[in-house]
Protein backbone atom coordinates (compact mmCIF):
# COMPACT_ATOMS: atom_id res chain seq x y z
CA MET A 1 -10.99 117.38 26.81
CA GLU A 2 -11.14 119.86 29.68
CA SER A 3 -13.63 119.47 32.00
CA PHE A 4 -15.08 122.60 33.41
CA LEU A 5 -18.49 123.28 35.42
CA ARG A 6 -22.08 124.24 34.90
CA PHE A 7 -24.94 124.99 37.23
CA LEU A 8 -28.73 124.23 36.71
CA PHE A 9 -30.89 125.66 39.08
CA PHE A 10 -34.43 124.37 40.38
CA PRO A 11 -36.49 125.88 42.95
CA SER A 12 -35.58 123.24 45.70
CA PHE A 13 -32.17 121.85 44.84
CA LEU A 14 -29.14 122.66 42.32
CA LEU A 15 -27.64 119.97 40.12
CA LEU A 16 -23.55 119.87 39.43
CA LEU A 17 -23.14 118.55 36.14
CA MET A 18 -19.33 118.06 34.99
CA LEU A 19 -18.93 119.42 31.10
CA PRO A 20 -16.52 119.28 28.87
CA CYS A 21 -15.90 122.30 27.22
CA CYS A 22 -18.11 125.13 28.99
CA SER A 23 -17.16 127.61 31.90
CA LEU A 24 -19.40 128.51 34.94
CA PHE A 25 -17.51 132.02 34.17
CA ALA A 26 -18.32 134.41 31.44
CA ALA A 27 -16.24 134.45 28.30
CA ASP A 28 -14.51 137.51 29.25
CA GLN A 29 -13.44 136.50 32.98
CA PRO A 30 -10.40 134.45 33.54
CA ARG A 31 -10.73 130.83 34.68
CA PRO A 32 -9.36 130.08 37.90
CA SER A 33 -6.90 127.54 37.95
CA SER A 34 -8.81 125.68 40.85
CA LEU A 35 -12.33 125.67 42.01
CA ARG A 36 -13.98 124.34 45.36
CA ILE A 37 -17.36 123.37 45.44
CA HIS A 38 -19.32 122.67 48.47
CA CYS A 39 -21.89 120.46 48.08
CA GLY A 40 -24.98 119.66 50.83
CA SER A 41 -25.30 116.35 49.20
CA LEU A 42 -23.41 114.36 46.43
CA LEU A 43 -24.80 111.27 44.23
CA ASP A 44 -22.65 108.44 43.21
CA PRO A 45 -24.87 106.79 40.79
CA ALA A 46 -21.93 104.02 40.63
CA SER A 47 -22.60 102.51 44.38
CA ASP A 48 -26.04 104.20 44.65
CA THR A 49 -25.15 106.30 47.57
CA VAL A 50 -25.47 110.26 48.76
CA SER A 51 -22.42 111.59 50.81
CA ARG A 52 -23.29 114.40 53.12
CA ASP A 53 -21.31 117.59 53.43
CA VAL A 54 -18.73 117.14 50.58
CA VAL A 55 -16.44 119.15 48.92
CA ILE A 56 -15.12 118.60 45.09
CA LEU A 57 -11.63 120.48 44.48
CA ILE A 58 -11.16 121.13 40.60
CA GLU A 59 -7.68 122.07 39.51
CA ASP A 60 -7.16 122.97 35.82
CA GLY A 61 -10.79 121.20 35.13
CA ILE A 62 -9.99 117.94 36.31
CA VAL A 63 -11.76 116.79 39.44
CA LYS A 64 -8.90 116.38 42.10
CA GLN A 65 -10.11 115.95 45.31
CA VAL A 66 -13.65 114.41 46.65
CA GLY A 67 -14.35 114.16 50.30
CA PRO A 68 -15.65 115.67 53.84
CA ALA A 69 -15.93 119.50 53.77
CA SER A 70 -13.85 119.22 57.11
CA GLN A 71 -10.86 118.08 55.59
CA ALA A 72 -11.14 119.85 52.12
CA SER A 73 -8.57 122.35 50.89
CA SER A 74 -8.99 125.90 49.68
CA GLY A 75 -9.08 126.56 46.16
CA ASP A 76 -9.09 130.02 44.19
CA ALA A 77 -12.92 130.39 43.81
CA GLU A 78 -15.58 128.90 46.00
CA VAL A 79 -18.86 127.76 44.98
CA ASP A 80 -21.25 127.30 47.78
CA VAL A 81 -23.97 124.29 47.15
CA SER A 82 -24.17 123.51 51.20
CA HIS A 83 -27.79 123.63 50.79
CA GLY A 84 -28.28 121.75 47.29
CA PHE A 85 -27.73 118.62 45.90
CA CYS A 86 -24.78 117.64 43.32
CA LEU A 87 -24.71 115.00 40.89
CA PRO A 88 -22.92 114.01 37.64
CA GLY A 89 -23.83 115.15 34.19
CA LEU A 90 -26.04 113.40 32.62
CA ILE A 91 -25.61 111.48 29.27
CA ASP A 92 -27.93 110.98 26.61
CA VAL A 93 -26.92 108.28 23.89
CA HIS A 94 -29.51 109.10 21.44
CA ASP A 95 -30.01 112.18 20.10
CA HIS A 96 -30.38 114.43 16.87
CA LEU A 97 -29.26 117.99 17.63
CA THR A 98 -29.42 119.10 14.07
CA SER A 99 -33.08 118.13 14.04
CA GLU A 100 -36.16 119.36 14.76
CA PRO A 101 -39.93 118.14 15.41
CA LYS A 102 -41.57 120.83 13.09
CA ASP A 103 -39.01 119.64 10.31
CA ALA A 104 -40.97 116.28 10.31
CA GLY A 105 -42.51 114.71 7.16
CA TYR A 106 -42.67 116.96 3.71
CA GLN A 107 -41.02 120.02 5.83
CA SER A 108 -37.55 118.16 5.89
CA LEU A 109 -37.08 118.60 2.21
CA GLY A 110 -36.65 122.11 2.50
CA VAL A 111 -33.76 122.10 5.25
CA SER A 112 -30.42 122.18 4.27
CA PHE A 113 -27.57 120.81 5.65
CA PRO A 114 -26.09 124.46 6.87
CA ARG A 115 -29.47 124.90 8.30
CA GLU A 116 -29.12 121.74 10.28
CA ALA A 117 -25.61 123.01 11.41
CA VAL A 118 -27.09 126.07 12.68
CA THR A 119 -30.24 124.50 14.18
CA GLY A 120 -27.64 122.33 16.15
CA ALA A 121 -25.62 124.82 17.67
CA LYS A 122 -29.10 126.05 19.22
CA ASN A 123 -30.19 122.57 20.29
CA ALA A 124 -26.71 122.10 21.86
CA ARG A 125 -26.99 124.79 24.32
CA LEU A 126 -30.44 124.06 25.17
CA THR A 127 -29.47 120.38 25.65
CA LEU A 128 -26.65 121.38 27.91
CA LEU A 129 -28.49 123.99 29.91
CA ALA A 130 -31.11 120.87 30.59
CA GLY A 131 -28.25 119.17 32.38
CA PHE A 132 -27.16 116.90 29.47
CA THR A 133 -23.39 117.06 29.40
CA THR A 134 -22.45 114.53 27.02
CA VAL A 135 -24.16 113.51 23.74
CA ARG A 136 -24.08 110.55 21.09
CA ASN A 137 -25.53 112.17 18.08
CA VAL A 138 -26.79 109.13 15.84
CA GLY A 139 -27.48 110.69 12.58
CA ALA A 140 -27.39 113.93 10.79
CA GLY A 141 -27.30 115.15 7.25
CA GLY A 142 -24.06 116.61 5.18
CA TYR A 143 -21.65 115.89 8.20
CA SER A 144 -23.34 118.72 10.19
CA ASP A 145 -22.81 116.93 13.42
CA VAL A 146 -19.23 116.73 12.79
CA ALA A 147 -19.21 120.57 12.52
CA LEU A 148 -20.85 121.12 15.40
CA ARG A 149 -19.00 119.05 17.48
CA ASP A 150 -15.93 120.54 16.22
CA ASP A 151 -17.19 123.85 16.97
CA ILE A 152 -17.70 122.97 20.48
CA ASN A 153 -14.37 121.58 21.00
CA ALA A 154 -12.79 124.70 20.06
CA GLY A 155 -14.82 126.57 22.68
CA GLU A 156 -16.56 128.76 19.94
CA ILE A 157 -20.26 127.59 20.92
CA PRO A 158 -21.81 126.06 24.10
CA GLY A 159 -22.49 122.67 24.20
CA PRO A 160 -22.29 119.42 25.82
CA ARG A 161 -19.30 116.69 24.46
CA LEU A 162 -20.33 115.14 21.34
CA PHE A 163 -19.76 112.01 19.93
CA VAL A 164 -21.44 111.99 16.54
CA SER A 165 -21.87 109.27 13.54
CA GLY A 166 -22.45 111.66 10.48
CA PRO A 167 -24.78 110.23 7.67
CA PRO A 168 -26.56 106.72 8.95
CA LEU A 169 -25.82 103.78 6.67
CA GLY A 170 -29.10 101.95 5.49
CA ILE A 171 -30.55 100.30 2.47
CA THR A 172 -32.26 101.39 -0.99
CA GLY A 173 -35.50 102.64 0.33
CA GLY A 174 -34.72 101.83 3.63
CA HIS A 175 -35.69 103.72 6.81
CA CYS A 176 -32.32 105.84 6.65
CA ASP A 177 -33.17 106.53 2.79
CA ASN A 178 -34.96 109.42 1.46
CA ASP A 179 -38.22 107.92 0.91
CA LEU A 180 -40.38 111.11 0.20
CA LEU A 181 -39.61 112.42 -3.49
CA ALA A 182 -40.95 111.03 -6.90
CA PRO A 183 -38.85 108.86 -8.66
CA GLN A 184 -37.78 111.45 -11.41
CA PHE A 185 -35.73 113.21 -8.58
CA GLN A 186 -33.61 110.02 -8.23
CA ALA A 187 -33.15 111.16 -4.73
CA THR A 188 -30.79 108.67 -2.48
CA SER A 189 -29.67 109.40 0.95
CA GLU A 190 -26.01 109.72 1.23
CA GLY A 191 -25.58 106.83 3.83
CA VAL A 192 -27.33 104.49 1.43
CA ALA A 193 -25.02 101.19 0.79
CA ASP A 194 -26.17 97.71 -0.47
CA GLY A 195 -24.27 94.63 0.14
CA PRO A 196 -21.77 94.07 2.34
CA TRP A 197 -18.33 95.42 0.67
CA ALA A 198 -20.63 98.85 -0.43
CA ALA A 199 -21.34 98.81 3.31
CA ARG A 200 -17.47 98.35 4.32
CA ARG A 201 -16.72 101.39 1.99
CA LYS A 202 -19.21 103.74 3.54
CA VAL A 203 -17.91 103.01 7.13
CA ARG A 204 -14.52 103.75 5.82
CA GLU A 205 -16.05 107.21 4.22
CA VAL A 206 -17.89 108.52 7.20
CA ILE A 207 -14.99 107.82 9.21
CA LYS A 208 -12.81 109.95 6.89
CA TYR A 209 -15.12 112.51 7.39
CA GLY A 210 -15.05 112.90 11.12
CA ALA A 211 -17.33 110.26 12.44
CA ASP A 212 -17.00 108.72 16.05
CA LEU A 213 -19.27 106.22 15.48
CA ILE A 214 -21.12 104.19 13.09
CA LYS A 215 -25.10 104.43 13.38
CA ILE A 216 -27.25 101.86 10.52
CA CYS A 217 -30.63 101.20 9.98
CA ALA A 218 -31.09 97.44 10.59
CA SER A 219 -35.11 97.54 10.42
CA GLY A 220 -37.86 99.69 9.35
CA GLY A 221 -39.19 102.97 11.20
CA VAL A 222 -41.47 104.51 12.58
CA LEU A 223 -41.40 108.26 11.14
CA SER A 224 -39.87 106.50 7.24
CA LYS A 225 -42.67 106.90 4.81
CA GLY A 226 -43.40 103.06 2.84
CA ASP A 227 -41.49 100.66 5.16
CA ALA A 228 -43.01 98.41 8.21
CA VAL A 229 -41.52 99.45 11.67
CA GLY A 230 -40.79 95.32 12.40
CA THR A 231 -39.00 94.69 8.92
CA GLU A 232 -35.33 93.32 8.54
CA GLN A 233 -33.45 96.06 6.15
CA TYR A 234 -29.75 95.05 6.40
CA THR A 235 -28.87 91.53 6.28
CA LEU A 236 -26.71 89.66 9.01
CA GLU A 237 -24.03 89.30 6.23
CA GLU A 238 -24.17 92.85 5.82
CA MET A 239 -24.06 93.52 9.39
CA ARG A 240 -21.56 91.92 10.38
CA ALA A 241 -19.43 93.51 7.37
CA ILE A 242 -20.28 96.78 9.13
CA VAL A 243 -19.25 95.84 12.64
CA GLU A 244 -15.76 94.31 11.51
CA GLU A 245 -14.98 97.14 9.45
CA ALA A 246 -16.02 99.55 12.04
CA HIS A 247 -14.41 97.75 14.97
CA LYS A 248 -11.13 97.21 12.95
CA LEU A 249 -10.91 101.25 12.44
CA GLY A 250 -11.52 102.05 16.16
CA ARG A 251 -15.30 102.71 15.86
CA LYS A 252 -18.53 101.18 17.61
CA VAL A 253 -21.75 100.42 16.13
CA ALA A 254 -25.21 101.82 16.90
CA ALA A 255 -28.27 100.45 15.18
CA HIS A 256 -31.51 101.30 14.63
CA ALA A 257 -33.68 98.08 15.22
CA HIS A 258 -37.33 98.20 16.06
CA GLY A 259 -38.20 94.55 14.93
CA THR A 260 -37.59 91.32 16.70
CA GLN A 261 -35.63 89.42 14.11
CA ALA A 262 -33.42 92.65 13.25
CA ILE A 263 -32.38 92.82 16.69
CA LYS A 264 -31.42 89.63 17.30
CA ASP A 265 -29.21 89.87 13.96
CA ALA A 266 -27.61 93.33 15.08
CA ILE A 267 -26.81 91.52 18.43
CA VAL A 268 -25.34 88.65 16.64
CA ALA A 269 -23.28 90.51 14.18
CA GLY A 270 -21.38 92.38 17.08
CA ILE A 271 -23.37 95.68 17.26
CA ASP A 272 -22.77 97.66 20.19
CA SER A 273 -26.36 99.27 20.89
CA ILE A 274 -29.55 98.73 19.74
CA GLU A 275 -31.68 101.59 19.56
CA HIS A 276 -35.20 101.89 20.32
CA SER A 277 -35.63 97.84 20.73
CA SER A 278 -39.41 98.09 20.21
CA LEU A 279 -40.18 94.54 19.14
CA ILE A 280 -37.64 92.86 21.22
CA ASP A 281 -38.47 89.49 22.55
CA GLU A 282 -37.22 87.38 25.56
CA GLU A 283 -34.75 85.57 23.40
CA GLY A 284 -33.42 88.97 22.16
CA ILE A 285 -32.97 90.44 25.94
CA GLU A 286 -31.02 87.25 26.88
CA LEU A 287 -28.76 87.60 23.66
CA ALA A 288 -28.41 91.41 24.99
CA LYS A 289 -27.41 90.08 28.17
CA GLN A 290 -24.98 87.34 26.79
CA HIS A 291 -23.20 89.79 24.37
CA HIS A 292 -23.21 92.69 26.85
CA THR A 293 -25.23 94.93 24.07
CA TYR A 294 -26.85 98.18 25.25
CA LEU A 295 -30.35 98.40 24.50
CA VAL A 296 -31.76 101.84 24.41
CA PHE A 297 -35.19 102.45 24.89
CA ASP A 298 -36.70 105.99 23.78
CA ILE A 299 -39.82 105.49 25.71
CA TYR A 300 -41.07 109.04 26.10
CA ASN A 301 -41.06 109.74 22.44
CA ASP A 302 -44.81 107.79 22.40
CA THR A 303 -46.31 110.55 24.24
CA TYR A 304 -44.93 113.36 22.28
CA ILE A 305 -45.82 112.02 18.71
CA LEU A 306 -49.05 110.89 19.56
CA ASN A 307 -50.22 114.12 21.31
CA GLU A 308 -48.20 116.59 19.34
CA GLY A 309 -46.96 114.51 15.98
CA PRO A 310 -49.90 115.74 13.51
CA LYS A 311 -49.65 119.44 14.71
CA VAL A 312 -45.88 119.42 13.59
CA GLY A 313 -46.48 117.50 10.27
CA MET A 314 -45.59 113.80 11.05
CA LEU A 315 -47.24 111.70 8.49
CA PRO A 316 -50.40 110.28 9.18
CA GLU A 317 -48.86 106.31 8.56
CA SER A 318 -46.20 107.32 11.19
CA ILE A 319 -48.79 108.27 13.79
CA GLU A 320 -50.19 104.68 12.71
CA LYS A 321 -47.12 103.06 13.23
CA GLU A 322 -46.51 104.77 16.60
CA LYS A 323 -49.99 103.65 17.78
CA ALA A 324 -49.07 100.07 16.98
CA THR A 325 -45.50 100.13 18.41
CA GLY A 326 -45.49 102.70 21.52
CA LYS A 327 -47.10 100.52 23.95
CA LEU A 328 -45.07 97.60 23.15
CA LEU A 329 -41.67 99.58 23.10
CA ARG A 330 -42.51 100.27 26.99
CA ALA A 331 -43.84 96.85 27.75
CA ASN A 332 -40.52 95.53 26.21
CA PHE A 333 -38.52 98.08 28.14
CA ARG A 334 -39.92 97.14 31.46
CA LYS A 335 -39.29 93.40 30.34
CA ALA A 336 -35.65 94.48 29.73
CA TYR A 337 -35.17 96.41 32.81
CA LEU A 338 -36.52 93.51 35.42
CA ALA A 339 -34.70 90.81 33.44
CA GLY A 340 -31.11 92.98 34.18
CA ALA A 341 -30.18 93.66 30.54
CA PRO A 342 -27.57 96.62 29.75
CA LEU A 343 -29.64 100.06 29.20
CA ALA A 344 -28.31 103.23 28.27
CA PHE A 345 -30.25 106.41 28.48
CA GLY A 346 -31.19 107.62 25.11
CA THR A 347 -34.39 109.87 24.06
CA ASP A 348 -34.24 110.64 20.41
CA GLY A 349 -34.29 113.99 20.90
CA GLY A 350 -35.05 116.19 17.59
CA VAL A 351 -38.66 114.01 17.73
CA TYR A 352 -39.43 116.05 20.82
CA PRO A 353 -38.13 119.44 21.32
CA HIS A 354 -34.66 119.60 22.39
CA GLY A 355 -34.34 120.33 26.20
CA ASP A 356 -36.90 118.14 27.23
CA ASN A 357 -34.60 114.98 27.71
CA ALA A 358 -35.36 114.61 31.02
CA LYS A 359 -38.66 114.10 30.73
CA GLN A 360 -37.94 110.60 29.89
CA PHE A 361 -37.08 110.11 33.35
CA ALA A 362 -40.57 110.43 34.62
CA THR A 363 -41.66 107.66 32.20
CA MET A 364 -38.86 105.25 33.19
CA VAL A 365 -39.87 105.61 36.74
CA GLU A 366 -43.47 104.81 35.55
CA TRP A 367 -42.68 101.66 33.82
CA GLY A 368 -41.00 100.49 36.96
CA ALA A 369 -37.14 101.24 36.20
CA LYS A 370 -34.91 103.46 38.33
CA PRO A 371 -33.29 105.69 35.37
CA ILE A 372 -30.21 107.21 37.04
CA ASP A 373 -27.57 104.44 36.36
CA ALA A 374 -28.70 104.28 32.43
CA ALA A 375 -28.03 108.08 32.24
CA THR A 376 -24.48 108.01 34.01
CA VAL A 377 -22.19 105.03 34.63
CA ASN A 378 -24.20 102.82 31.91
CA ALA A 379 -23.98 105.43 29.31
CA ALA A 380 -20.32 106.39 30.11
CA SER A 381 -19.32 102.58 30.05
CA LEU A 382 -20.98 102.44 25.98
CA LEU A 383 -19.55 105.72 25.05
CA ASN A 384 -15.93 104.38 26.54
CA LEU A 385 -15.89 107.08 28.93
CA ASP A 386 -15.55 104.87 32.39
CA GLY A 387 -14.41 106.88 34.97
CA LYS A 388 -14.33 110.56 33.04
CA ALA A 389 -18.18 110.92 32.79
CA GLY A 390 -21.24 109.50 35.00
CA THR A 391 -19.19 109.96 38.34
CA VAL A 392 -17.68 112.67 40.20
CA LYS A 393 -14.46 111.18 41.14
CA PRO A 394 -10.83 112.28 40.95
CA ARG A 395 -8.94 111.60 37.80
CA ILE A 396 -5.60 110.02 37.80
CA ILE A 397 -3.71 111.43 34.85
CA ARG A 398 -0.49 109.30 34.00
CA ARG A 399 2.59 111.13 32.61
CA TYR A 400 3.84 109.53 29.43
CA HIS A 401 6.78 109.84 27.87
CA CYS A 402 6.81 108.84 24.21
CA GLY A 403 10.51 109.06 23.29
CA ARG A 404 11.52 107.46 19.87
CA ILE A 405 8.73 104.36 20.55
CA ARG A 406 6.24 106.18 17.88
CA PRO A 407 5.87 109.15 16.03
CA ALA A 408 5.00 112.26 17.98
CA GLY A 409 1.80 112.63 16.21
CA GLU A 410 0.87 109.15 17.10
CA CYS A 411 1.84 109.34 20.69
CA ARG A 412 -0.25 112.57 21.12
CA ARG A 413 -3.03 110.32 20.10
CA VAL A 414 -2.65 107.91 22.66
CA VAL A 415 -1.75 110.45 25.56
CA ALA A 416 -5.23 112.12 24.12
CA ARG A 417 -7.21 108.58 24.10
CA GLU A 418 -5.94 107.94 27.49
CA ILE A 419 -6.83 111.26 29.41
CA GLY A 420 -10.14 111.80 27.82
CA ARG A 421 -9.41 114.73 25.60
């Protein structure tokens, strides 16, 4: 996947963001074969250092050189950010680009899958312009997020690099099932699968239709009707089956899990990331450290839900559940951070308006964390993008010659995976 550049201007500084498929230049302008970026300062989150007076040389969309301005070679085009600040593109590993806050509660019943896809196109652009150049979309109806990802990759619409899950998996009547309609409608969400073998089949199905990862609901949720936030839904046996099937097929698994036991069972089952993590305890934090399971705390959401939720149609019982959960989530986020648990930056965009992703940074700092690692190197590691996102460093592309070793199609897939396309 090609890496081009987008710039986001602020009153006092400028952020340099590495993007997968969007250009600094207008669509009717030819892209230069090389680009020279002169940065007054450049942040390296991996080493927590800032370099001064640096030039980044881009060739054919790939970072080829990063070094002192005095030693840099020239490029076909030059951007002067010598009085600004540069850093890697930010990453949000928990987003819902095809959802909107105004479609909360019963209003969600009027949203079609085509409408979700169109909404996603709008929100992808907003998120990109907010500085988030890689996003993991964890849950969308009708594979609308798959269509969104493919359109972005084709260069037809602007947006971040996307990793998408398609429909989330869950139990009958659980957080990932349709719980708003009366019994006579016999409504069941497309990701519902009860029992280990039904869950395995559903994993295979969503991968068949284009999912990059598997999203499951291991516990109840805040914005669903009729379930308790802390109640475990998928069993340990079911989660183990899902993880085994997904990993066998080369996909990671993200688990929506607020409840204490659900979190611990998900980690033991081999889940790759725990979403929300609201009621995690000390044992759960230690398990996350032992298994290197990423914890994703959406700690800005509490502010938006309590202040704006009733206005946009969130159910009264959801507001009450948030009142009982939000402060605990934030306190447990602080405990996990201080304990050194692996953390990745995820905001649950779609619960709050898209484009406001960065507001979570201030909340994280308020609760005692240094957030930049979570949204760069840590998030990149969770997405298997080490060295390809989260830092601004030269990319080394190895040459491959498949010959007769494997079919040409498989050879192309191997090469693409290696160079991050």
